[in-house]
Amino acid sequence: MHKAPGALLTTIINFVIMLLTSTRVRIATPADASLIADMSRRTFYDSFAKDNTKEDMDKFMNEQFTRELLIAEVGAPGNIFLVAEHNGTPAGYVRLRENNNPPELNGMETIEIARIYAETSMIGKGIGKALMEKSIAVAKEQKKQLIWLGVWEKNFRAIEFYSGWGFKKFSEHPFVVGTDVQTDWLMKKEL
């Protein structure tokens, strides 16, 4: 059975659009350090400035989340960074970290999703999905028993996203933004 010319043209156009609009996730190299540092600061600020005071955000960004400290993380032992690109444009990143288990996970082979962020303009384009898929793939390649993360208890959108991937809350810990002590949920997913 042959498709009508209009239907065939529509199918071809949709296929070309799919090829042209692609998201790719790759392992970062030290050459990506500045890109990741700048994206880290921008995405963190965009995500949390509205929920924190200017003073607390400034203190955190200028003391704990400086560009120099972030650059030093890329390529440091125990860190794996992933970069997502959407149509060739940097769209998000992940920092995976080994050897940072909370007491509840001691003795287990794990990897932490220490940070996972998409650029504000890229939210809704599948960047988070692509980054999570690659993070889980890396954890499985390294034969980890589970993957875990911390998420602010008031970040309902992120909690819903992680829950959808099968992450379950197992503990809590404090996270300080400036002078504000906040509570992060610790969530894990068995692999």
N, C-alpha and C. Protein backbone atom coordinates (compact mmCIF):
# COMPACT_ATOMS: atom_id res chain seq x y z
N MET A 1 0.84 -1.17 0.00
CA MET A 1 0.00 0.00 0.00
C MET A 1 0.89 1.24 0.00
N HIS A 2 0.61 2.18 -0.89
CA HIS A 2 1.41 3.39 -1.00
C HIS A 2 0.74 4.53 -0.23
N LYS A 3 1.60 5.36 0.35
CA LYS A 3 1.07 6.55 1.03
C LYS A 3 0.77 7.63 0.01
N ALA A 4 -0.19 8.44 0.34
CA ALA A 4 -0.49 9.59 -0.51
C ALA A 4 0.71 10.52 -0.49
N PRO A 5 0.95 11.26 -1.61
CA PRO A 5 2.12 12.14 -1.67
C PRO A 5 2.22 13.10 -0.48
N GLY A 6 1.09 13.64 -0.04
CA GLY A 6 1.12 14.57 1.10
C GLY A 6 1.55 13.89 2.39
N ALA A 7 1.08 12.65 2.59
CA ALA A 7 1.44 11.90 3.79
C ALA A 7 2.91 11.52 3.78
N LEU A 8 3.40 11.16 2.60
CA LEU A 8 4.81 10.81 2.46
C LEU A 8 5.68 12.03 2.75
N LEU A 9 5.29 13.17 2.22
CA LEU A 9 6.04 14.41 2.47
C LEU A 9 6.04 14.74 3.95
N THR A 10 4.92 14.59 4.63
CA THR A 10 4.84 14.84 6.06
C THR A 10 5.76 13.90 6.83
N THR A 11 5.78 12.62 6.44
CA THR A 11 6.66 11.65 7.09
C THR A 11 8.13 12.03 6.91
N ILE A 12 8.49 12.43 5.71
CA ILE A 12 9.87 12.83 5.43
C ILE A 12 10.23 14.08 6.23
N ILE A 13 9.35 15.06 6.27
CA ILE A 13 9.62 16.29 7.04
C ILE A 13 9.79 15.97 8.52
N ASN A 14 8.92 15.14 9.07
CA ASN A 14 9.04 14.76 10.49
C ASN A 14 10.34 14.03 10.77
N PHE A 15 10.78 13.18 9.84
CA PHE A 15 12.03 12.46 10.01
C PHE A 15 13.21 13.44 9.99
N VAL A 16 13.20 14.37 9.07
CA VAL A 16 14.28 15.37 8.99
C VAL A 16 14.31 16.22 10.26
N ILE A 17 13.15 16.64 10.73
CA ILE A 17 13.09 17.43 11.98
C ILE A 17 13.68 16.64 13.13
N MET A 18 13.34 15.34 13.21
CA MET A 18 13.88 14.49 14.27
C MET A 18 15.40 14.43 14.19
N LEU A 19 15.94 14.30 12.98
CA LEU A 19 17.40 14.25 12.82
C LEU A 19 18.05 15.58 13.20
N LEU A 20 17.39 16.68 12.87
CA LEU A 20 17.97 17.99 13.13
C LEU A 20 17.83 18.43 14.58
N THR A 21 16.82 17.95 15.27
CA THR A 21 16.62 18.32 16.67
C THR A 21 17.04 17.15 17.53
N SER A 22 18.28 17.15 17.89
CA SER A 22 18.78 16.02 18.65
C SER A 22 19.45 16.49 19.94
N THR A 23 19.38 15.62 20.92
CA THR A 23 20.08 15.83 22.18
C THR A 23 21.14 14.76 22.29
N ARG A 24 22.33 15.19 22.60
CA ARG A 24 23.46 14.28 22.73
C ARG A 24 24.08 14.51 24.10
N VAL A 25 24.41 13.43 24.81
CA VAL A 25 25.07 13.54 26.11
C VAL A 25 26.43 12.87 25.98
N ARG A 26 27.44 13.57 26.42
CA ARG A 26 28.80 13.04 26.33
C ARG A 26 29.53 13.21 27.65
N ILE A 27 30.58 12.44 27.83
CA ILE A 27 31.45 12.59 29.00
C ILE A 27 32.29 13.84 28.78
N ALA A 28 32.33 14.69 29.77
CA ALA A 28 33.09 15.93 29.67
C ALA A 28 34.59 15.66 29.80
N THR A 29 35.36 16.57 29.26
CA THR A 29 36.82 16.53 29.38
C THR A 29 37.26 17.78 30.13
N PRO A 30 38.52 17.83 30.54
CA PRO A 30 39.00 19.05 31.20
C PRO A 30 38.81 20.32 30.35
N ALA A 31 38.75 20.16 29.04
CA ALA A 31 38.51 21.33 28.17
C ALA A 31 37.12 21.92 28.39
N ASP A 32 36.21 21.16 28.99
CA ASP A 32 34.86 21.63 29.26
C ASP A 32 34.73 22.33 30.61
N ALA A 33 35.81 22.45 31.36
CA ALA A 33 35.73 22.94 32.74
C ALA A 33 35.09 24.33 32.84
N SER A 34 35.49 25.26 32.00
CA SER A 34 34.91 26.61 32.06
C SER A 34 33.44 26.60 31.69
N LEU A 35 33.09 25.85 30.65
CA LEU A 35 31.70 25.73 30.24
C LEU A 35 30.85 25.18 31.39
N ILE A 36 31.32 24.13 32.04
CA ILE A 36 30.58 23.51 33.13
C ILE A 36 30.48 24.46 34.33
N ALA A 37 31.57 25.13 34.65
CA ALA A 37 31.55 26.06 35.79
C ALA A 37 30.53 27.17 35.55
N ASP A 38 30.54 27.74 34.37
CA ASP A 38 29.59 28.82 34.06
C ASP A 38 28.15 28.31 34.05
N MET A 39 27.94 27.12 33.46
CA MET A 39 26.60 26.55 33.44
C MET A 39 26.15 26.20 34.86
N SER A 40 27.06 25.71 35.69
CA SER A 40 26.74 25.37 37.07
C SER A 40 26.23 26.58 37.83
N ARG A 41 26.96 27.66 37.74
CA ARG A 41 26.57 28.87 38.46
C ARG A 41 25.24 29.42 37.94
N ARG A 42 25.10 29.45 36.64
CA ARG A 42 23.88 30.00 36.03
C ARG A 42 22.65 29.17 36.39
N THR A 43 22.76 27.85 36.24
CA THR A 43 21.59 27.00 36.48
C THR A 43 21.24 26.93 37.96
N PHE A 44 22.23 26.95 38.83
CA PHE A 44 21.93 26.95 40.26
C PHE A 44 21.21 28.25 40.64
N TYR A 45 21.75 29.36 40.16
CA TYR A 45 21.13 30.65 40.47
C TYR A 45 19.70 30.71 39.91
N ASP A 46 19.54 30.31 38.67
CA ASP A 46 18.21 30.33 38.04
C ASP A 46 17.23 29.45 38.81
N SER A 47 17.71 28.34 39.35
CA SER A 47 16.84 27.39 40.03
C SER A 47 16.43 27.85 41.43
N PHE A 48 17.31 28.56 42.13
CA PHE A 48 17.07 28.79 43.55
C PHE A 48 17.04 30.24 44.01
N ALA A 49 17.36 31.20 43.16
CA ALA A 49 17.39 32.60 43.60
C ALA A 49 16.02 33.07 44.08
N LYS A 50 14.97 32.61 43.45
CA LYS A 50 13.61 33.08 43.82
C LYS A 50 13.19 32.56 45.19
N ASP A 51 13.83 31.50 45.69
CA ASP A 51 13.45 30.90 46.96
C ASP A 51 14.41 31.22 48.11
N ASN A 52 15.40 32.05 47.84
CA ASN A 52 16.40 32.39 48.86
C ASN A 52 16.63 33.90 48.84
N THR A 53 17.15 34.42 49.94
CA THR A 53 17.45 35.85 49.98
C THR A 53 18.65 36.16 49.10
N LYS A 54 18.73 37.37 48.65
CA LYS A 54 19.87 37.81 47.83
C LYS A 54 21.18 37.62 48.61
N GLU A 55 21.14 37.93 49.90
CA GLU A 55 22.35 37.81 50.73
C GLU A 55 22.82 36.35 50.82
N ASP A 56 21.87 35.43 51.03
CA ASP A 56 22.25 34.01 51.11
C ASP A 56 22.75 33.49 49.77
N MET A 57 22.10 33.89 48.69
CA MET A 57 22.56 33.46 47.37
C MET A 57 23.95 34.01 47.08
N ASP A 58 24.16 35.30 47.35
CA ASP A 58 25.47 35.90 47.11
C ASP A 58 26.55 35.21 47.92
N LYS A 59 26.29 34.94 49.20
CA LYS A 59 27.27 34.27 50.06
C LYS A 59 27.60 32.89 49.49
N PHE A 60 26.58 32.12 49.14
CA PHE A 60 26.80 30.79 48.60
C PHE A 60 27.60 30.85 47.29
N MET A 61 27.17 31.71 46.38
CA MET A 61 27.82 31.79 45.06
C MET A 61 29.27 32.30 45.17
N ASN A 62 29.54 33.18 46.12
CA ASN A 62 30.86 33.79 46.24
C ASN A 62 31.81 33.04 47.16
N GLU A 63 31.29 32.08 47.94
CA GLU A 63 32.16 31.35 48.85
C GLU A 63 32.21 29.85 48.54
N GLN A 64 31.05 29.23 48.32
CA GLN A 64 31.00 27.78 48.16
C GLN A 64 30.87 27.34 46.70
N PHE A 65 30.47 28.24 45.82
CA PHE A 65 30.15 27.86 44.45
C PHE A 65 30.85 28.79 43.47
N THR A 66 32.12 29.06 43.73
CA THR A 66 32.87 29.98 42.87
C THR A 66 33.24 29.30 41.57
N ARG A 67 33.48 30.10 40.59
CA ARG A 67 33.88 29.57 39.27
C ARG A 67 35.16 28.75 39.40
N GLU A 68 36.10 29.24 40.19
CA GLU A 68 37.39 28.56 40.36
C GLU A 68 37.21 27.18 41.00
N LEU A 69 36.39 27.09 42.04
CA LEU A 69 36.14 25.79 42.68
C LEU A 69 35.46 24.82 41.72
N LEU A 70 34.53 25.33 40.95
CA LEU A 70 33.80 24.48 40.00
C LEU A 70 34.71 23.99 38.89
N ILE A 71 35.58 24.86 38.40
CA ILE A 71 36.54 24.45 37.36
C ILE A 71 37.43 23.33 37.89
N ALA A 72 37.86 23.45 39.14
CA ALA A 72 38.75 22.45 39.73
C ALA A 72 38.09 21.07 39.87
N GLU A 73 36.76 21.03 39.97
CA GLU A 73 36.06 19.75 40.09
C GLU A 73 36.15 18.90 38.82
N VAL A 74 36.18 19.57 37.68
CA VAL A 74 36.18 18.85 36.40
C VAL A 74 37.55 18.17 36.23
N GLY A 75 37.52 16.88 36.09
CA GLY A 75 38.75 16.13 35.95
C GLY A 75 39.36 15.69 37.27
N ALA A 76 38.81 16.15 38.40
CA ALA A 76 39.32 15.74 39.71
C ALA A 76 38.94 14.28 39.97
N PRO A 77 39.79 13.54 40.68
CA PRO A 77 39.48 12.13 40.96
C PRO A 77 38.11 11.98 41.63
N GLY A 78 37.38 10.94 41.21
CA GLY A 78 36.08 10.65 41.80
C GLY A 78 34.92 11.40 41.16
N ASN A 79 35.20 12.30 40.22
CA ASN A 79 34.16 13.06 39.53
C ASN A 79 34.06 12.63 38.07
N ILE A 80 32.83 12.50 37.62
CA ILE A 80 32.56 12.30 36.19
C ILE A 80 31.52 13.34 35.83
N PHE A 81 31.81 14.15 34.84
CA PHE A 81 30.85 15.15 34.37
C PHE A 81 30.31 14.73 33.01
N LEU A 82 29.04 14.95 32.84
CA LEU A 82 28.36 14.72 31.56
C LEU A 82 27.83 16.05 31.08
N VAL A 83 27.91 16.27 29.78
CA VAL A 83 27.38 17.50 29.18
C VAL A 83 26.33 17.10 28.14
N ALA A 84 25.18 17.75 28.23
CA ALA A 84 24.13 17.55 27.24
C ALA A 84 24.16 18.71 26.27
N GLU A 85 24.03 18.39 24.99
CA GLU A 85 23.93 19.41 23.95
C GLU A 85 22.66 19.15 23.16
N HIS A 86 21.91 20.20 22.93
CA HIS A 86 20.68 20.11 22.16
C HIS A 86 20.88 20.92 20.90
N ASN A 87 20.84 20.23 19.76
CA ASN A 87 21.11 20.87 18.47
C ASN A 87 22.45 21.61 18.49
N GLY A 88 23.43 21.01 19.17
CA GLY A 88 24.78 21.59 19.22
C GLY A 88 24.98 22.66 20.26
N THR A 89 23.94 23.02 21.01
CA THR A 89 24.04 24.06 22.03
C THR A 89 24.11 23.42 23.41
N PRO A 90 25.07 23.82 24.27
CA PRO A 90 25.11 23.28 25.63
C PRO A 90 23.75 23.49 26.32
N ALA A 91 23.21 22.39 26.87
CA ALA A 91 21.85 22.44 27.38
C ALA A 91 21.73 22.03 28.84
N GLY A 92 22.72 21.33 29.38
CA GLY A 92 22.67 20.88 30.76
C GLY A 92 23.88 20.04 31.09
N TYR A 93 23.96 19.64 32.34
CA TYR A 93 25.11 18.84 32.76
C TYR A 93 24.75 18.02 34.00
N VAL A 94 25.60 17.05 34.27
CA VAL A 94 25.54 16.23 35.48
C VAL A 94 26.93 16.14 36.07
N ARG A 95 26.98 16.18 37.39
CA ARG A 95 28.21 15.83 38.11
C ARG A 95 27.92 14.54 38.85
N LEU A 96 28.61 13.47 38.47
CA LEU A 96 28.55 12.20 39.18
C LEU A 96 29.76 12.14 40.10
N ARG A 97 29.54 11.66 41.32
CA ARG A 97 30.62 11.65 42.30
C ARG A 97 30.66 10.29 42.99
N GLU A 98 31.87 9.75 43.10
CA GLU A 98 32.08 8.49 43.80
C GLU A 98 32.66 8.77 45.19
N ASN A 99 32.56 7.78 46.05
CA ASN A 99 33.20 7.83 47.37
C ASN A 99 32.69 8.95 48.26
N ASN A 100 31.39 9.20 48.20
CA ASN A 100 30.81 10.24 49.05
C ASN A 100 29.54 9.71 49.72
N ASN A 101 29.56 8.44 50.11
CA ASN A 101 28.36 7.82 50.66
C ASN A 101 27.95 8.41 52.00
N PRO A 102 26.65 8.63 52.17
CA PRO A 102 26.15 8.93 53.51
C PRO A 102 26.23 7.66 54.36
N PRO A 103 26.18 7.78 55.68
CA PRO A 103 26.33 6.59 56.55
C PRO A 103 25.38 5.45 56.21
N GLU A 104 24.17 5.76 55.77
CA GLU A 104 23.18 4.72 55.46
C GLU A 104 23.62 3.83 54.30
N LEU A 105 24.56 4.29 53.49
CA LEU A 105 24.98 3.53 52.31
C LEU A 105 26.41 3.02 52.40
N ASN A 106 27.03 3.16 53.57
CA ASN A 106 28.40 2.69 53.72
C ASN A 106 28.52 1.23 53.37
N GLY A 107 29.59 0.90 52.68
CA GLY A 107 29.84 -0.48 52.29
C GLY A 107 29.19 -0.87 50.97
N MET A 108 28.41 0.01 50.39
CA MET A 108 27.76 -0.29 49.11
C MET A 108 28.53 0.38 47.97
N GLU A 109 28.48 -0.23 46.81
CA GLU A 109 29.07 0.34 45.61
C GLU A 109 28.05 1.30 45.00
N THR A 110 28.30 2.59 45.13
CA THR A 110 27.34 3.59 44.67
C THR A 110 28.01 4.67 43.86
N ILE A 111 27.17 5.45 43.21
CA ILE A 111 27.61 6.69 42.59
C ILE A 111 26.52 7.72 42.87
N GLU A 112 26.93 8.94 43.15
CA GLU A 112 25.99 10.01 43.48
C GLU A 112 25.78 10.93 42.29
N ILE A 113 24.55 11.29 42.05
CA ILE A 113 24.27 12.40 41.14
C ILE A 113 24.36 13.65 42.02
N ALA A 114 25.54 14.25 42.04
CA ALA A 114 25.78 15.40 42.91
C ALA A 114 25.09 16.65 42.39
N ARG A 115 24.98 16.76 41.08
CA ARG A 115 24.24 17.87 40.45
C ARG A 115 23.70 17.38 39.11
N ILE A 116 22.49 17.81 38.79
CA ILE A 116 21.90 17.56 37.47
C ILE A 116 21.03 18.78 37.17
N TYR A 117 21.40 19.51 36.13
CA TYR A 117 20.70 20.75 35.79
C TYR A 117 20.58 20.90 34.28
N ALA A 118 19.49 21.51 33.87
CA ALA A 118 19.29 21.92 32.48
C ALA A 118 19.20 23.44 32.46
N GLU A 119 19.69 24.02 31.39
CA GLU A 119 19.53 25.46 31.19
C GLU A 119 18.04 25.78 31.17
N THR A 120 17.67 26.91 31.73
CA THR A 120 16.26 27.31 31.80
C THR A 120 15.59 27.25 30.43
N SER A 121 16.27 27.71 29.41
CA SER A 121 15.69 27.73 28.06
C SER A 121 15.52 26.33 27.48
N MET A 122 16.13 25.33 28.09
CA MET A 122 16.08 23.97 27.57
C MET A 122 15.12 23.07 28.35
N ILE A 123 14.54 23.57 29.43
CA ILE A 123 13.62 22.75 30.21
C ILE A 123 12.41 22.40 29.35
N GLY A 124 12.03 21.14 29.39
CA GLY A 124 10.91 20.66 28.59
C GLY A 124 11.33 20.06 27.26
N LYS A 125 12.63 20.01 26.99
CA LYS A 125 13.12 19.47 25.71
C LYS A 125 13.77 18.10 25.87
N GLY A 126 13.57 17.46 27.01
CA GLY A 126 14.11 16.12 27.22
C GLY A 126 15.54 16.09 27.70
N ILE A 127 16.07 17.22 28.13
CA ILE A 127 17.47 17.27 28.58
C ILE A 127 17.65 16.47 29.87
N GLY A 128 16.74 16.67 30.84
CA GLY A 128 16.83 15.92 32.09
C GLY A 128 16.74 14.43 31.86
N LYS A 129 15.85 14.01 30.99
CA LYS A 129 15.69 12.59 30.65
C LYS A 129 16.98 12.04 30.06
N ALA A 130 17.56 12.76 29.11
CA ALA A 130 18.80 12.30 28.47
C ALA A 130 19.95 12.23 29.48
N LEU A 131 20.03 13.23 30.37
CA LEU A 131 21.10 13.22 31.38
C LEU A 131 20.91 12.08 32.37
N MET A 132 19.66 11.83 32.78
CA MET A 132 19.40 10.74 33.73
C MET A 132 19.70 9.40 33.09
N GLU A 133 19.29 9.21 31.84
CA GLU A 133 19.57 7.94 31.15
C GLU A 133 21.07 7.68 31.10
N LYS A 134 21.84 8.69 30.76
CA LYS A 134 23.30 8.52 30.66
C LYS A 134 23.91 8.30 32.04
N SER A 135 23.40 8.99 33.06
CA SER A 135 23.92 8.79 34.43
C SER A 135 23.71 7.36 34.88
N ILE A 136 22.53 6.83 34.65
CA ILE A 136 22.22 5.45 35.03
C ILE A 136 23.08 4.48 34.23
N ALA A 137 23.27 4.77 32.95
CA ALA A 137 24.12 3.91 32.11
C ALA A 137 25.56 3.88 32.63
N VAL A 138 26.09 5.04 33.01
CA VAL A 138 27.45 5.11 33.56
C VAL A 138 27.54 4.29 34.85
N ALA A 139 26.55 4.44 35.72
CA ALA A 139 26.53 3.70 36.99
C ALA A 139 26.51 2.19 36.72
N LYS A 140 25.72 1.76 35.76
CA LYS A 140 25.65 0.33 35.44
C LYS A 140 26.96 -0.16 34.82
N GLU A 141 27.56 0.65 33.94
CA GLU A 141 28.84 0.29 33.33
C GLU A 141 29.90 0.08 34.40
N GLN A 142 29.81 0.89 35.47
CA GLN A 142 30.79 0.79 36.55
C GLN A 142 30.37 -0.24 37.60
N LYS A 143 29.30 -0.97 37.31
CA LYS A 143 28.82 -2.06 38.17
C LYS A 143 28.46 -1.58 39.58
N LYS A 144 27.83 -0.41 39.65
CA LYS A 144 27.38 0.12 40.94
C LYS A 144 26.10 -0.59 41.36
N GLN A 145 25.89 -0.71 42.67
CA GLN A 145 24.68 -1.32 43.20
C GLN A 145 23.51 -0.35 43.16
N LEU A 146 23.81 0.92 43.37
CA LEU A 146 22.75 1.91 43.33
C LEU A 146 23.31 3.28 43.00
N ILE A 147 22.38 4.14 42.62
CA ILE A 147 22.69 5.52 42.31
C ILE A 147 21.83 6.36 43.26
N TRP A 148 22.39 7.44 43.79
CA TRP A 148 21.65 8.23 44.77
C TRP A 148 21.88 9.71 44.53
N LEU A 149 21.08 10.54 45.20
CA LEU A 149 21.18 11.99 45.05
C LEU A 149 20.55 12.68 46.25
N GLY A 150 20.82 13.97 46.37
CA GLY A 150 20.16 14.82 47.36
C GLY A 150 19.35 15.86 46.63
N VAL A 151 18.15 16.17 47.15
CA VAL A 151 17.28 17.15 46.51
C VAL A 151 16.59 17.95 47.62
N TRP A 152 16.53 19.26 47.44
CA TRP A 152 15.89 20.13 48.42
C TRP A 152 14.44 19.68 48.62
N GLU A 153 14.04 19.56 49.86
CA GLU A 153 12.70 19.05 50.18
C GLU A 153 11.58 19.91 49.60
N LYS A 154 11.86 21.16 49.24
CA LYS A 154 10.84 22.04 48.66
C LYS A 154 10.91 22.11 47.14
N ASN A 155 11.80 21.34 46.54
CA ASN A 155 11.91 21.31 45.08
C ASN A 155 11.00 20.20 44.56
N PHE A 156 9.70 20.47 44.60
CA PHE A 156 8.69 19.45 44.29
C PHE A 156 8.79 18.94 42.86
N ARG A 157 9.12 19.81 41.94
CA ARG A 157 9.26 19.39 40.54
C ARG A 157 10.38 18.36 40.38
N ALA A 158 11.51 18.63 41.03
CA ALA A 158 12.63 17.69 40.94
C ALA A 158 12.30 16.38 41.65
N ILE A 159 11.66 16.45 42.81
CA ILE A 159 11.29 15.23 43.53
C ILE A 159 10.37 14.37 42.68
N GLU A 160 9.43 14.99 42.01
CA GLU A 160 8.52 14.25 41.13
C GLU A 160 9.30 13.60 39.97
N PHE A 161 10.25 14.34 39.40
CA PHE A 161 11.08 13.82 38.31
C PHE A 161 11.86 12.59 38.79
N TYR A 162 12.54 12.70 39.94
CA TYR A 162 13.34 11.58 40.45
C TYR A 162 12.46 10.39 40.82
N SER A 163 11.32 10.66 41.43
CA SER A 163 10.40 9.58 41.78
C SER A 163 9.95 8.82 40.54
N GLY A 164 9.73 9.54 39.46
CA GLY A 164 9.35 8.92 38.20
C GLY A 164 10.41 7.99 37.64
N TRP A 165 11.66 8.20 38.03
CA TRP A 165 12.76 7.34 37.62
C TRP A 165 12.99 6.19 38.60
N GLY A 166 12.17 6.13 39.65
CA GLY A 166 12.29 5.03 40.61
C GLY A 166 13.13 5.35 41.83
N PHE A 167 13.51 6.60 42.02
CA PHE A 167 14.26 6.97 43.21
C PHE A 167 13.30 7.03 44.40
N LYS A 168 13.78 6.55 45.55
CA LYS A 168 12.99 6.54 46.78
C LYS A 168 13.79 7.24 47.89
N LYS A 169 13.08 7.99 48.72
CA LYS A 169 13.72 8.68 49.84
C LYS A 169 14.20 7.67 50.86
N PHE A 170 15.46 7.87 51.34
CA PHE A 170 15.98 6.98 52.37
C PHE A 170 16.55 7.73 53.56
N SER A 171 16.73 9.05 53.44
CA SER A 171 17.27 9.82 54.56
C SER A 171 17.15 11.31 54.24
N GLU A 172 17.72 12.13 55.11
CA GLU A 172 17.79 13.58 54.92
C GLU A 172 19.15 14.05 55.41
N HIS A 173 19.56 15.23 54.92
CA HIS A 173 20.74 15.89 55.47
C HIS A 173 20.63 17.39 55.25
N PRO A 174 21.39 18.16 56.02
CA PRO A 174 21.33 19.62 55.86
C PRO A 174 22.13 20.07 54.65
N PHE A 175 21.67 21.14 54.03
CA PHE A 175 22.37 21.80 52.93
C PHE A 175 22.28 23.29 53.22
N VAL A 176 23.43 23.96 53.28
CA VAL A 176 23.45 25.36 53.68
C VAL A 176 23.61 26.25 52.45
N VAL A 177 22.68 27.16 52.29
CA VAL A 177 22.75 28.18 51.24
C VAL A 177 22.97 29.50 51.98
N GLY A 178 24.21 29.99 51.92
CA GLY A 178 24.55 31.21 52.66
C GLY A 178 24.53 30.93 54.14
N THR A 179 23.51 31.45 54.82
CA THR A 179 23.35 31.18 56.25
C THR A 179 22.10 30.35 56.52
N ASP A 180 21.35 30.02 55.48
CA ASP A 180 20.09 29.30 55.62
C ASP A 180 20.32 27.80 55.56
N VAL A 181 20.05 27.11 56.68
CA VAL A 181 20.19 25.66 56.72
C VAL A 181 18.89 25.05 56.20
N GLN A 182 19.00 24.37 55.07
CA GLN A 182 17.85 23.75 54.43
C GLN A 182 17.97 22.23 54.55
N THR A 183 16.90 21.54 54.24
CA THR A 183 16.90 20.08 54.32
C THR A 183 16.83 19.49 52.92
N ASP A 184 17.78 18.62 52.63
CA ASP A 184 17.78 17.84 51.39
C ASP A 184 17.29 16.44 51.70
N TRP A 185 16.41 15.92 50.84
CA TRP A 185 16.06 14.51 50.89
C TRP A 185 17.14 13.74 50.17
N LEU A 186 17.54 12.63 50.73
CA LEU A 186 18.44 11.72 50.04
C LEU A 186 17.57 10.64 49.42
N MET A 187 17.76 10.42 48.12
CA MET A 187 16.95 9.46 47.38
C MET A 187 17.88 8.49 46.65
N LYS A 188 17.46 7.24 46.56
CA LYS A 188 18.31 6.22 45.91
C LYS A 188 17.47 5.38 44.95
N LYS A 189 18.21 4.79 44.02
CA LYS A 189 17.61 3.88 43.04
C LYS A 189 18.55 2.68 42.92
N GLU A 190 18.00 1.51 43.14
CA GLU A 190 18.78 0.29 42.96
C GLU A 190 18.94 0.00 41.47
N LEU A 191 20.12 -0.50 41.11
CA LEU A 191 20.41 -0.76 39.70
C LEU A 191 20.39 -2.24 39.38
